[in-house]
Structure formats: C-alpha cells, structure tokens
C-alpha cells in the first residue's frame, strides 16, 4: 500500500504554507513597499466542544437530593490545530508550519464531575 500526501484545496501543506520564492529582499537604503501587511494568512482554528449531564435521584421521596454526573470534552474530534507559518525571511523554515498547538491547546481534553445536590 502506498501513502499519498494530499494537500488542501489551495495547495498549502505544512512544509510549504505559502510560496516563499515570491518574496525578495528590498534594495538596500529603501523601505519596504506599501501595502505589505496581511499578505499571509494562518491555518485557522477549529475546536468542537461537547458536554453531557445526567441527574440521578438518591432518595425517591426527596426530589431535592440528587447526584449529578457531568462529562465534558474539549476538541472532542481531536482536530489538529497548526501554528502560524514562519514569516521571518532570514529563517531556514521561512514559509513552513513547524508546530502544532504551541499557541493554544489543541489536544483533546476530557473532564468528569460528580456532584451531590441537597
């Protein structure tokens, strides 16, 4: 079986997020050209969260006494959130995404709680 690396619809991959060959050093003694902001957009962020809870009556005659179970999952589909690409033209990783989740937590996290209400 052979694995084929698929790229996203706009042909960006973590190894080549944008075409770094179109950027060049300005002529010495001159300023950068106008309108040079926001030319590169990062990969974006997706985090799907879910929570479920269930109440159990402990004593049937007393409705105020109950046990509450709650389960929460953050980024429950475990979608990888890539960091922004390196935009330093003097770096060897210029135009590449080299990390996942360093800026924000991107791993799946789950927590459970049990609460007694009276």
N, C-alpha and C. Protein backbone atom coordinates (compact mmCIF):
# COMPACT_ATOMS: atom_id res chain seq x y z
N UNK A 1 0.84 -1.17 0.00
CA UNK A 1 0.00 0.00 0.00
C UNK A 1 0.89 1.24 0.00
N UNK A 2 0.54 2.22 -0.79
CA UNK A 2 1.31 3.43 -0.91
C UNK A 2 0.53 4.60 -0.34
N UNK A 3 1.15 5.41 0.47
CA UNK A 3 0.50 6.59 1.04
C UNK A 3 0.76 7.78 0.14
N UNK A 4 -0.29 8.52 -0.14
CA UNK A 4 -0.18 9.71 -0.98
C UNK A 4 -0.51 10.91 -0.11
N UNK A 5 0.36 11.89 -0.12
CA UNK A 5 0.15 13.09 0.66
C UNK A 5 -0.80 14.01 -0.08
N UNK A 6 -1.93 14.29 0.55
CA UNK A 6 -2.93 15.17 -0.07
C UNK A 6 -2.74 16.58 0.47
N UNK A 7 -2.96 17.54 -0.38
CA UNK A 7 -2.89 18.93 0.06
C UNK A 7 -4.29 19.50 0.14
N UNK A 8 -4.40 20.61 0.81
CA UNK A 8 -5.70 21.25 0.94
C UNK A 8 -6.10 21.89 -0.39
N UNK A 9 -7.36 22.37 -0.51
CA UNK A 9 -7.82 22.90 -1.79
C UNK A 9 -6.97 24.02 -2.37
N UNK A 10 -6.32 24.81 -1.51
CA UNK A 10 -5.50 25.90 -2.05
C UNK A 10 -4.02 25.50 -2.13
N UNK A 11 -3.74 24.18 -2.13
CA UNK A 11 -2.40 23.62 -2.31
C UNK A 11 -1.40 24.08 -1.26
N UNK A 12 -1.85 24.21 -0.02
CA UNK A 12 -0.94 24.53 1.07
C UNK A 12 -0.69 23.28 1.90
N UNK A 13 0.53 23.07 2.29
CA UNK A 13 0.91 21.98 3.17
C UNK A 13 1.74 22.58 4.30
N UNK A 14 1.92 21.88 5.42
CA UNK A 14 2.76 22.43 6.49
C UNK A 14 4.20 22.70 6.04
N UNK A 15 4.70 21.94 5.06
CA UNK A 15 6.06 22.18 4.58
C UNK A 15 6.16 23.37 3.63
N UNK A 16 5.07 23.76 3.01
CA UNK A 16 5.07 24.91 2.10
C UNK A 16 3.71 25.59 2.22
N UNK A 17 3.57 26.41 3.28
CA UNK A 17 2.29 27.07 3.52
C UNK A 17 2.02 28.16 2.50
N UNK A 18 3.07 28.84 2.09
CA UNK A 18 2.95 29.84 1.01
C UNK A 18 4.22 29.79 0.19
N UNK A 19 4.15 30.33 -1.01
CA UNK A 19 5.29 30.31 -1.92
C UNK A 19 6.29 31.37 -1.47
N UNK A 20 7.37 30.92 -0.84
CA UNK A 20 8.35 31.86 -0.30
C UNK A 20 9.24 32.46 -1.39
N UNK A 21 9.19 31.94 -2.59
CA UNK A 21 10.04 32.47 -3.66
C UNK A 21 9.54 33.80 -4.20
N UNK A 22 8.29 34.18 -3.93
CA UNK A 22 7.78 35.45 -4.44
C UNK A 22 8.21 36.63 -3.58
N UNK A 23 8.78 36.37 -2.41
CA UNK A 23 9.26 37.45 -1.55
C UNK A 23 10.74 37.67 -1.81
N UNK A 24 11.12 38.93 -1.85
CA UNK A 24 12.53 39.24 -2.06
C UNK A 24 12.94 40.37 -1.13
N UNK A 25 14.23 40.46 -0.91
CA UNK A 25 14.80 41.49 -0.04
C UNK A 25 14.69 42.85 -0.73
N UNK A 26 14.24 43.90 -0.02
CA UNK A 26 14.21 45.23 -0.64
C UNK A 26 15.62 45.74 -0.94
N UNK A 27 15.73 46.60 -1.88
CA UNK A 27 17.02 47.19 -2.23
C UNK A 27 17.59 47.93 -1.02
N UNK A 28 18.88 47.76 -0.73
CA UNK A 28 19.47 48.45 0.42
C UNK A 28 19.25 49.97 0.34
N UNK A 29 18.90 50.57 1.45
CA UNK A 29 18.67 52.00 1.52
C UNK A 29 17.23 52.39 1.20
N UNK A 30 16.36 51.43 0.91
CA UNK A 30 14.96 51.73 0.62
C UNK A 30 14.07 51.10 1.68
N UNK A 31 12.85 51.54 1.72
CA UNK A 31 11.88 50.98 2.65
C UNK A 31 11.10 49.86 1.97
N UNK A 32 10.41 49.07 2.78
CA UNK A 32 9.56 48.02 2.23
C UNK A 32 8.43 48.66 1.43
N UNK A 33 7.92 48.01 0.41
CA UNK A 33 6.84 48.59 -0.40
C UNK A 33 5.57 48.79 0.42
N UNK A 34 4.75 49.71 -0.03
CA UNK A 34 3.48 49.97 0.64
C UNK A 34 2.56 48.75 0.50
N UNK A 35 1.58 48.67 1.36
CA UNK A 35 0.58 47.61 1.36
C UNK A 35 1.22 46.23 1.51
N UNK A 36 2.17 46.11 2.43
CA UNK A 36 2.82 44.83 2.63
C UNK A 36 2.32 44.12 3.88
N UNK A 37 1.22 44.58 4.46
CA UNK A 37 0.66 43.92 5.64
C UNK A 37 -0.37 42.87 5.25
N UNK A 38 -0.51 41.86 6.08
CA UNK A 38 -1.54 40.82 5.95
C UNK A 38 -1.51 40.11 4.60
N UNK A 39 -0.33 39.78 4.12
CA UNK A 39 -0.22 39.05 2.87
C UNK A 39 -0.27 37.54 3.09
N UNK A 40 -0.08 37.10 4.33
CA UNK A 40 -0.07 35.67 4.65
C UNK A 40 -1.10 35.41 5.73
N UNK A 41 -1.96 34.44 5.50
CA UNK A 41 -2.97 34.05 6.48
C UNK A 41 -2.60 32.69 7.06
N UNK A 42 -2.83 32.54 8.34
CA UNK A 42 -2.52 31.29 9.03
C UNK A 42 -3.55 30.22 8.77
N UNK A 43 -3.37 29.05 9.37
CA UNK A 43 -4.23 27.91 9.09
C UNK A 43 -5.61 27.95 9.74
N UNK A 44 -5.85 28.84 10.67
CA UNK A 44 -7.15 28.88 11.32
C UNK A 44 -7.22 27.98 12.53
N UNK A 45 -8.38 27.94 13.15
CA UNK A 45 -8.55 27.21 14.41
C UNK A 45 -9.92 26.55 14.44
N UNK A 46 -9.96 25.29 14.82
CA UNK A 46 -11.23 24.57 15.00
C UNK A 46 -11.17 23.84 16.33
N UNK A 47 -12.20 24.03 17.13
CA UNK A 47 -12.30 23.31 18.39
C UNK A 47 -13.78 23.04 18.65
N UNK A 48 -14.16 21.78 18.63
CA UNK A 48 -15.54 21.37 18.85
C UNK A 48 -15.64 20.81 20.27
N UNK A 49 -16.49 21.43 21.07
CA UNK A 49 -16.65 21.04 22.46
C UNK A 49 -18.02 20.40 22.67
N UNK A 50 -18.11 19.51 23.64
CA UNK A 50 -19.38 18.84 23.94
C UNK A 50 -19.46 18.61 25.44
N UNK A 51 -20.70 18.64 25.96
CA UNK A 51 -20.93 18.37 27.38
C UNK A 51 -22.24 17.61 27.52
N UNK A 52 -22.25 16.64 28.43
CA UNK A 52 -23.47 15.88 28.73
C UNK A 52 -23.58 15.73 30.24
N UNK A 53 -24.83 15.77 30.73
CA UNK A 53 -25.02 15.59 32.15
C UNK A 53 -26.28 14.77 32.40
N UNK A 54 -26.28 14.08 33.53
CA UNK A 54 -27.41 13.24 33.92
C UNK A 54 -27.59 13.35 35.42
N UNK A 55 -28.83 13.54 35.84
CA UNK A 55 -29.16 13.63 37.27
C UNK A 55 -29.80 12.33 37.72
N UNK A 56 -29.38 11.83 38.87
CA UNK A 56 -29.93 10.61 39.48
C UNK A 56 -30.51 10.98 40.84
N UNK A 57 -31.75 10.54 41.09
CA UNK A 57 -32.35 10.79 42.40
C UNK A 57 -31.83 9.74 43.38
N UNK A 58 -31.36 10.21 44.51
CA UNK A 58 -30.81 9.31 45.53
C UNK A 58 -31.94 8.75 46.40
N UNK A 59 -32.77 9.64 46.89
CA UNK A 59 -33.91 9.24 47.73
C UNK A 59 -35.17 9.59 46.93
N UNK A 60 -35.97 8.60 46.53
CA UNK A 60 -37.12 8.87 45.66
C UNK A 60 -38.13 9.84 46.24
N UNK A 61 -38.31 9.84 47.55
CA UNK A 61 -39.32 10.73 48.14
C UNK A 61 -38.84 12.18 48.23
N UNK A 62 -37.53 12.41 48.20
CA UNK A 62 -36.98 13.78 48.26
C UNK A 62 -36.40 14.16 46.90
N UNK A 63 -37.07 15.06 46.21
CA UNK A 63 -36.59 15.46 44.88
C UNK A 63 -35.39 16.39 44.94
N UNK A 64 -35.14 16.99 46.10
CA UNK A 64 -34.03 17.93 46.20
C UNK A 64 -32.69 17.22 46.35
N UNK A 65 -32.68 15.98 46.81
CA UNK A 65 -31.43 15.22 46.94
C UNK A 65 -31.18 14.45 45.65
N UNK A 66 -30.12 14.80 44.97
CA UNK A 66 -29.79 14.08 43.74
C UNK A 66 -28.29 14.12 43.49
N UNK A 67 -27.87 13.20 42.67
CA UNK A 67 -26.47 13.08 42.28
C UNK A 67 -26.37 13.49 40.81
N UNK A 68 -25.51 14.44 40.51
CA UNK A 68 -25.36 14.96 39.14
C UNK A 68 -24.02 14.50 38.58
N UNK A 69 -24.07 13.79 37.46
CA UNK A 69 -22.87 13.36 36.75
C UNK A 69 -22.73 14.20 35.49
N UNK A 70 -21.53 14.73 35.24
CA UNK A 70 -21.30 15.58 34.07
C UNK A 70 -20.00 15.17 33.39
N UNK A 71 -20.05 15.04 32.06
CA UNK A 71 -18.87 14.72 31.26
C UNK A 71 -18.69 15.81 30.21
N UNK A 72 -17.48 16.35 30.10
CA UNK A 72 -17.17 17.40 29.13
C UNK A 72 -15.95 16.99 28.31
N UNK A 73 -15.98 17.31 27.03
CA UNK A 73 -14.84 17.04 26.15
C UNK A 73 -14.56 18.30 25.34
N UNK A 74 -13.32 18.72 25.35
CA UNK A 74 -12.88 19.90 24.61
C UNK A 74 -12.07 19.42 23.42
N UNK A 75 -12.37 19.94 22.23
CA UNK A 75 -11.80 19.48 20.96
C UNK A 75 -12.01 17.97 20.84
N UNK A 76 -13.28 17.55 21.00
CA UNK A 76 -13.58 16.13 21.08
C UNK A 76 -13.34 15.37 19.78
N UNK A 77 -13.28 16.04 18.63
CA UNK A 77 -12.94 15.33 17.39
C UNK A 77 -11.43 15.26 17.19
N UNK A 78 -10.69 15.89 18.10
CA UNK A 78 -9.22 15.87 18.10
C UNK A 78 -8.64 16.41 16.79
N UNK A 79 -9.18 17.53 16.34
CA UNK A 79 -8.71 18.18 15.11
C UNK A 79 -7.36 18.83 15.37
N UNK A 80 -6.35 18.56 14.55
CA UNK A 80 -5.05 19.21 14.79
C UNK A 80 -5.09 20.68 14.40
N UNK A 81 -4.72 21.54 15.31
CA UNK A 81 -4.67 22.97 15.06
C UNK A 81 -3.22 23.38 14.89
N UNK A 82 -2.86 23.72 13.65
CA UNK A 82 -1.48 24.08 13.34
C UNK A 82 -1.18 25.50 13.78
N UNK A 83 0.07 25.76 14.12
CA UNK A 83 0.50 27.11 14.44
C UNK A 83 0.66 27.92 13.16
N UNK A 84 0.90 29.20 13.32
CA UNK A 84 1.09 30.07 12.15
C UNK A 84 2.42 29.75 11.47
N UNK A 85 2.50 29.99 10.17
CA UNK A 85 3.76 29.73 9.47
C UNK A 85 4.84 30.73 9.88
N UNK A 86 6.09 30.35 9.69
CA UNK A 86 7.22 31.21 9.99
C UNK A 86 7.29 32.29 8.90
N UNK A 87 7.23 33.54 9.30
CA UNK A 87 7.26 34.65 8.33
C UNK A 87 8.56 35.44 8.40
N UNK A 88 9.58 34.88 9.02
CA UNK A 88 10.88 35.53 9.06
C UNK A 88 11.67 35.12 7.82
N UNK A 89 11.92 36.06 6.88
CA UNK A 89 12.58 35.67 5.64
C UNK A 89 14.03 35.21 5.81
N UNK A 90 14.64 35.49 6.96
CA UNK A 90 16.03 35.07 7.18
C UNK A 90 16.12 33.68 7.81
N UNK A 91 14.99 33.09 8.13
CA UNK A 91 14.96 31.77 8.77
C UNK A 91 15.01 30.66 7.73
N UNK A 92 15.56 29.52 8.13
CA UNK A 92 15.60 28.38 7.21
C UNK A 92 14.23 27.73 7.07
N UNK A 93 13.31 28.02 7.99
CA UNK A 93 11.96 27.46 7.90
C UNK A 93 10.94 28.50 7.41
N UNK A 94 11.39 29.46 6.62
CA UNK A 94 10.52 30.51 6.09
C UNK A 94 9.43 29.89 5.22
N UNK A 95 8.18 30.20 5.53
CA UNK A 95 7.05 29.69 4.77
C UNK A 95 6.56 28.33 5.23
N UNK A 96 7.09 27.80 6.33
CA UNK A 96 6.71 26.48 6.81
C UNK A 96 6.00 26.58 8.16
N UNK A 97 5.08 25.65 8.37
CA UNK A 97 4.45 25.49 9.68
C UNK A 97 5.23 24.40 10.40
N UNK A 98 5.84 24.76 11.51
CA UNK A 98 6.73 23.80 12.19
C UNK A 98 6.17 23.26 13.50
N UNK A 99 4.99 23.71 13.90
CA UNK A 99 4.47 23.25 15.18
C UNK A 99 2.97 23.05 15.17
N UNK A 100 2.51 22.35 16.20
CA UNK A 100 1.09 22.12 16.37
C UNK A 100 0.71 22.40 17.81
N UNK A 101 -0.17 23.36 18.00
CA UNK A 101 -0.72 23.60 19.32
C UNK A 101 0.16 24.29 20.33
N UNK A 102 1.22 24.96 19.91
CA UNK A 102 2.06 25.67 20.88
C UNK A 102 1.41 26.98 21.31
N UNK A 103 0.63 27.58 20.43
CA UNK A 103 -0.01 28.85 20.74
C UNK A 103 -1.24 28.65 21.62
N UNK A 104 -1.95 27.56 21.42
CA UNK A 104 -3.16 27.26 22.17
C UNK A 104 -3.26 25.75 22.30
N UNK A 105 -4.01 25.30 23.27
CA UNK A 105 -4.15 23.85 23.47
C UNK A 105 -4.96 23.27 22.33
N UNK A 106 -4.41 22.28 21.65
CA UNK A 106 -5.14 21.69 20.54
C UNK A 106 -5.38 20.20 20.73
N UNK A 107 -4.95 19.64 21.84
CA UNK A 107 -5.19 18.23 22.09
C UNK A 107 -6.56 18.03 22.73
N UNK A 108 -7.09 16.85 22.56
CA UNK A 108 -8.38 16.52 23.17
C UNK A 108 -8.22 16.49 24.68
N UNK A 109 -9.17 17.13 25.37
CA UNK A 109 -9.16 17.14 26.83
C UNK A 109 -10.55 16.73 27.31
N UNK A 110 -10.59 15.85 28.31
CA UNK A 110 -11.87 15.41 28.85
C UNK A 110 -11.86 15.59 30.36
N UNK A 111 -13.04 15.93 30.92
CA UNK A 111 -13.15 16.03 32.36
C UNK A 111 -14.52 15.53 32.79
N UNK A 112 -14.54 14.92 33.96
CA UNK A 112 -15.75 14.34 34.52
C UNK A 112 -15.97 14.92 35.92
N UNK A 113 -17.23 15.09 36.28
CA UNK A 113 -17.52 15.59 37.63
C UNK A 113 -18.73 14.85 38.19
N UNK A 114 -18.73 14.74 39.49
CA UNK A 114 -19.82 14.11 40.22
C UNK A 114 -20.17 15.05 41.36
N UNK A 115 -21.44 15.47 41.41
CA UNK A 115 -21.85 16.48 42.40
C UNK A 115 -23.11 15.99 43.14
N UNK A 116 -23.10 16.17 44.41
CA UNK A 116 -24.26 15.84 45.22
C UNK A 116 -25.00 17.14 45.57
N UNK A 117 -26.27 17.20 45.20
CA UNK A 117 -27.08 18.39 45.47
C UNK A 117 -28.12 18.06 46.56
N UNK A 118 -28.26 18.97 47.49
CA UNK A 118 -29.26 18.77 48.54
C UNK A 118 -29.96 20.06 48.85
